[in-house]
Amino acid sequence: MPASGVVVPAARTRVALGLVVVALCLAGCADFSDPAAAHGLTRSDLVAEVATQLGGSASQTYLATYALAGGETGTIAQDQRPPRAAYLYPGGELLVTGTTIARCAGRTCTVAAGVQPPAAAFADAHHAGLVNPSAVQQLLTAARYDPDMTVEQHDTTVAGRHATCLRLGNVDKAETGTFSTCVTSDGLLGTFTGTLDGTEVEVALTNYADTVNDDPFEPPPGAKMLVGDSATG
């Protein structure tokens, strides 16, 4: 009993304690139903973090195979010694050797001088259903500054690798305003569903190796090599 002799009902005490807890949470409790909020991340922070993680794949050596829409497959190969990359998709290839860029349609390749292919060079790959990871990174980077952006996040496993997945909506820079992607913990593009260069694409990583031989970087056997003025021509 209080020194004043006034008895405080137990129910009133519980209400008062509840109000204190609510006040404290309003001052700083995270929403643990939101994984980003639970770790103190804003929507922008979360998207930027995944974009940075995906960008790290540019410095890796790997061979990744993707399942494409319609039952097709595509391959992305990347090497660091020497720096080179290859994007193999149904009907064509984009080969980057460090000094030249070759765009192949069937067995005809147009070769131009260059170190990094411009974004337009990936149009054929996107139309065939294979996604350039840099294009996804650029979408994520642009989206983080969109004040109307919505984000849904979850974790999953892609090709046996842990991945963070985002579904973004109301994105001005996305062609249809929405897209989703999963990025593995080691920075690989795990999945992507969205529109690129006017084509709805859907890819999912199925196989991965951290070594790669010369084969993916070679033109198709018997290819006719033409000299072009640019990597997009």
Protein backbone atom coordinates (compact mmCIF):
# COMPACT_ATOMS: atom_id res chain seq x y z
CA MET A 1 0.00 0.00 0.00
CA PRO A 2 1.34 3.48 -0.92
CA ALA A 3 2.48 5.69 1.95
CA SER A 4 -0.46 8.04 1.28
CA GLY A 5 -2.84 5.18 1.99
CA VAL A 6 -4.39 5.36 -1.49
CA VAL A 7 -4.71 2.02 -3.24
CA VAL A 8 -3.96 2.15 -7.00
CA PRO A 9 -6.08 -0.45 -8.84
CA ALA A 10 -4.02 -3.09 -10.65
CA ALA A 11 -5.88 -2.44 -13.93
CA ARG A 12 -4.97 1.26 -13.81
CA THR A 13 -1.33 0.32 -13.19
CA ARG A 14 -1.31 -1.94 -16.25
CA VAL A 15 -2.83 0.79 -18.42
CA ALA A 16 -0.22 3.28 -17.26
CA LEU A 17 2.62 0.87 -17.99
CA GLY A 18 1.13 0.17 -21.42
CA LEU A 19 1.06 3.88 -22.22
CA VAL A 20 4.72 4.15 -21.21
CA VAL A 21 5.65 1.28 -23.53
CA VAL A 22 3.70 2.83 -26.43
CA ALA A 23 5.41 6.18 -25.83
CA LEU A 24 8.85 4.57 -25.83
CA CYS A 25 8.14 2.69 -29.06
CA LEU A 26 6.90 5.84 -30.76
CA ALA A 27 10.24 7.37 -29.80
CA GLY A 28 12.41 4.64 -31.34
CA CYS A 29 11.08 1.08 -31.67
CA ALA A 30 11.55 -0.52 -35.11
CA ASP A 31 8.69 -2.23 -36.93
CA PHE A 32 9.87 -5.83 -36.74
CA SER A 33 7.31 -6.86 -39.35
CA ASP A 34 9.50 -4.88 -41.76
CA PRO A 35 12.97 -6.51 -42.07
CA ALA A 36 14.54 -3.25 -43.25
CA ALA A 37 13.08 -1.23 -40.37
CA ALA A 38 14.16 -3.88 -37.89
CA HIS A 39 17.76 -3.25 -38.91
CA GLY A 40 17.42 0.52 -38.90
CA LEU A 41 17.33 0.82 -42.70
CA THR A 42 15.09 3.16 -44.65
CA ARG A 43 13.61 2.05 -47.99
CA SER A 44 16.27 4.07 -49.78
CA ASP A 45 19.05 2.53 -47.66
CA LEU A 46 17.84 -1.00 -48.40
CA VAL A 47 17.65 -0.43 -52.16
CA ALA A 48 21.08 1.25 -52.17
CA GLU A 49 22.57 -1.64 -50.21
CA VAL A 50 21.28 -4.24 -52.69
CA ALA A 51 22.45 -2.10 -55.64
CA THR A 52 25.95 -1.88 -54.16
CA GLN A 53 25.97 -5.61 -53.51
CA LEU A 54 25.04 -6.30 -57.13
CA GLY A 55 27.70 -3.90 -58.37
CA GLY A 56 30.33 -5.99 -56.64
CA SER A 57 29.89 -8.77 -59.18
CA ALA A 58 31.71 -6.64 -61.76
CA SER A 59 35.03 -7.45 -60.08
CA GLN A 60 34.43 -11.22 -59.91
CA THR A 61 35.29 -14.14 -62.13
CA TYR A 62 32.32 -16.43 -62.69
CA LEU A 63 30.19 -18.43 -65.09
CA ALA A 64 26.44 -18.15 -64.47
CA THR A 65 23.63 -19.93 -66.28
CA TYR A 66 20.11 -18.50 -66.23
CA ALA A 67 16.73 -19.94 -67.02
CA LEU A 68 14.88 -17.54 -69.30
CA ALA A 69 11.20 -17.16 -70.07
CA GLY A 70 9.91 -19.70 -72.57
CA GLY A 71 12.27 -22.44 -71.44
CA GLU A 72 15.40 -20.93 -73.02
CA THR A 73 18.74 -20.49 -71.27
CA GLY A 74 21.35 -17.74 -71.21
CA THR A 75 24.89 -17.46 -69.89
CA ILE A 76 26.97 -14.66 -68.41
CA ALA A 77 30.72 -15.24 -68.17
CA GLN A 78 33.21 -12.88 -66.65
CA ASP A 79 36.97 -13.06 -66.17
CA GLN A 80 39.51 -10.71 -64.61
CA ARG A 81 42.79 -12.03 -66.05
CA PRO A 82 42.49 -10.69 -68.66
CA PRO A 83 39.37 -8.55 -68.11
CA ARG A 84 36.63 -9.83 -70.42
CA ALA A 85 32.94 -10.68 -70.40
CA ALA A 86 30.48 -12.65 -72.50
CA TYR A 87 26.69 -12.63 -72.67
CA LEU A 88 25.27 -15.62 -74.54
CA TYR A 89 21.56 -15.59 -75.30
CA PRO A 90 19.20 -17.27 -77.77
CA GLY A 91 20.25 -16.22 -81.27
CA GLY A 92 23.26 -14.14 -80.35
CA GLU A 93 26.22 -13.14 -78.21
CA LEU A 94 27.87 -9.99 -76.86
CA LEU A 95 31.61 -10.45 -76.33
CA VAL A 96 33.79 -7.91 -74.53
CA THR A 97 37.54 -8.57 -74.61
CA GLY A 98 38.88 -5.41 -72.99
CA THR A 99 39.88 -3.81 -76.30
CA THR A 100 37.01 -4.82 -78.62
CA ILE A 101 33.28 -5.41 -78.41
CA ALA A 102 31.63 -7.94 -80.71
CA ARG A 103 27.90 -8.26 -81.26
CA CYS A 104 26.99 -11.57 -82.84
CA ALA A 105 23.69 -12.48 -84.46
CA GLY A 106 23.80 -16.11 -85.43
CA ARG A 107 27.19 -16.62 -87.08
CA THR A 108 27.76 -12.99 -88.06
CA CYS A 109 29.67 -10.77 -85.63
CA THR A 110 30.20 -7.03 -85.85
CA VAL A 111 33.40 -5.98 -84.06
CA ALA A 112 34.19 -2.46 -82.82
CA ALA A 113 36.91 -0.98 -80.64
CA GLY A 114 35.91 -0.36 -77.06
CA VAL A 115 36.43 -1.25 -73.44
CA GLN A 116 32.91 -1.07 -72.01
CA PRO A 117 29.81 -1.60 -74.16
CA PRO A 118 27.22 1.19 -74.06
CA ALA A 119 23.82 0.40 -72.60
CA ALA A 120 22.30 0.14 -76.08
CA ALA A 121 24.61 -2.77 -76.88
CA PHE A 122 22.54 -4.97 -74.56
CA ALA A 123 19.26 -4.38 -76.40
CA ASP A 124 19.52 -7.67 -78.33
CA ALA A 125 20.23 -9.59 -75.13
CA HIS A 126 17.24 -7.99 -73.39
CA HIS A 127 14.98 -8.72 -76.36
CA ALA A 128 16.14 -12.35 -76.21
CA GLY A 129 15.37 -12.49 -72.49
CA LEU A 130 18.84 -12.27 -70.88
CA VAL A 131 19.37 -9.47 -68.36
CA ASN A 132 22.50 -7.39 -68.05
CA PRO A 133 23.22 -7.08 -64.28
CA SER A 134 24.42 -3.50 -64.77
CA ALA A 135 20.98 -2.56 -66.09
CA VAL A 136 19.39 -3.89 -62.90
CA GLN A 137 21.92 -2.04 -60.77
CA GLN A 138 21.10 1.19 -62.60
CA LEU A 139 17.38 0.64 -62.02
CA LEU A 140 17.98 0.11 -58.30
CA THR A 141 20.26 3.13 -58.02
CA ALA A 142 17.74 5.39 -59.74
CA ALA A 143 14.81 4.00 -57.75
CA ARG A 144 16.33 4.85 -54.37
CA TYR A 145 15.73 8.55 -55.07
CA ASP A 146 12.08 8.09 -56.04
CA PRO A 147 9.93 9.43 -53.14
CA ASP A 148 6.88 7.41 -54.25
CA MET A 149 8.73 4.10 -54.43
CA THR A 150 7.29 1.13 -52.54
CA VAL A 151 9.47 -1.78 -51.41
CA GLU A 152 8.73 -5.33 -50.35
CA GLN A 153 11.72 -7.37 -49.12
CA HIS A 154 12.32 -11.01 -48.29
CA ASP A 155 15.18 -13.50 -48.20
CA THR A 156 15.33 -16.71 -50.18
CA THR A 157 17.72 -19.22 -51.75
CA VAL A 158 18.59 -19.09 -55.46
CA ALA A 159 20.64 -21.93 -56.97
CA GLY A 160 21.69 -22.88 -53.43
CA ARG A 161 22.88 -19.37 -52.58
CA HIS A 162 21.33 -17.02 -50.03
CA ALA A 163 19.73 -14.01 -51.71
CA THR A 164 17.98 -10.78 -50.73
CA CYS A 165 14.91 -10.07 -52.84
CA LEU A 166 13.15 -6.76 -53.48
CA ARG A 167 9.91 -5.96 -55.24
CA LEU A 168 9.74 -2.27 -56.14
CA GLY A 169 6.63 -0.39 -57.21
CA ASN A 170 5.80 3.15 -58.33
CA VAL A 171 9.29 3.57 -59.80
CA ASP A 172 9.42 6.37 -62.36
CA LYS A 173 12.60 5.04 -64.00
CA ALA A 174 11.19 1.53 -64.52
CA GLU A 175 9.40 1.02 -67.83
CA THR A 176 6.24 -0.37 -66.23
CA GLY A 177 6.74 1.26 -62.83
CA THR A 178 7.53 -2.03 -61.11
CA PHE A 179 10.17 -4.75 -61.10
CA SER A 180 11.57 -7.39 -58.76
CA THR A 181 15.03 -8.83 -58.28
CA CYS A 182 17.03 -11.13 -56.02
CA VAL A 183 20.75 -10.58 -55.44
CA THR A 184 22.88 -13.30 -53.85
CA SER A 185 25.04 -12.64 -50.81
CA ASP A 186 28.13 -12.73 -53.03
CA GLY A 187 26.70 -10.12 -55.40
CA LEU A 188 25.36 -12.17 -58.31
CA LEU A 189 22.10 -11.42 -60.05
CA GLY A 190 19.85 -14.20 -58.78
CA THR A 191 16.53 -13.30 -60.43
CA PHE A 192 14.90 -10.42 -62.27
CA THR A 193 11.37 -9.85 -63.47
CA GLY A 194 10.55 -6.63 -65.27
CA THR A 195 10.66 -4.77 -68.58
CA LEU A 196 13.91 -3.81 -70.32
CA ASP A 197 14.12 -2.18 -73.74
CA GLY A 198 10.40 -2.76 -74.20
CA THR A 199 10.58 -6.50 -73.53
CA GLU A 200 9.15 -8.27 -70.48
CA VAL A 201 11.97 -10.47 -69.19
CA GLU A 202 12.22 -13.04 -66.42
CA VAL A 203 15.47 -14.74 -65.47
CA ALA A 204 16.56 -17.06 -62.66
CA LEU A 205 20.06 -18.26 -61.81
CA THR A 206 20.31 -22.05 -62.11
CA ASN A 207 24.06 -22.79 -62.09
CA TYR A 208 27.18 -20.96 -60.95
CA ALA A 209 30.94 -21.56 -61.06
CA ASP A 210 33.74 -19.32 -59.83
CA THR A 211 36.06 -20.38 -62.65
CA VAL A 212 35.64 -20.01 -66.40
CA ASN A 213 37.60 -21.24 -69.45
CA ASP A 214 38.08 -19.51 -72.80
CA ASP A 215 35.09 -21.04 -74.58
CA PRO A 216 32.37 -18.49 -73.68
CA PHE A 217 34.54 -15.62 -74.90
CA GLU A 218 35.06 -17.06 -78.37
CA PRO A 219 32.84 -16.15 -81.37
CA PRO A 220 30.57 -18.88 -82.72
CA PRO A 221 32.47 -21.47 -84.77
CA GLY A 222 32.84 -20.32 -88.37
CA ALA A 223 31.50 -16.84 -87.57
CA LYS A 224 31.83 -14.10 -90.19
CA MET A 225 33.61 -11.16 -88.55
CA LEU A 226 32.68 -7.67 -89.73
CA VAL A 227 34.22 -4.38 -88.68
CA GLY A 228 31.72 -1.87 -87.34
CA ASP A 229 31.94 1.82 -86.45
CA SER A 230 30.47 1.38 -82.98
CA ALA A 231 29.39 -1.28 -80.50
CA THR A 232 25.74 -0.44 -81.16
CA GLY A 233 25.90 -0.38 -84.96
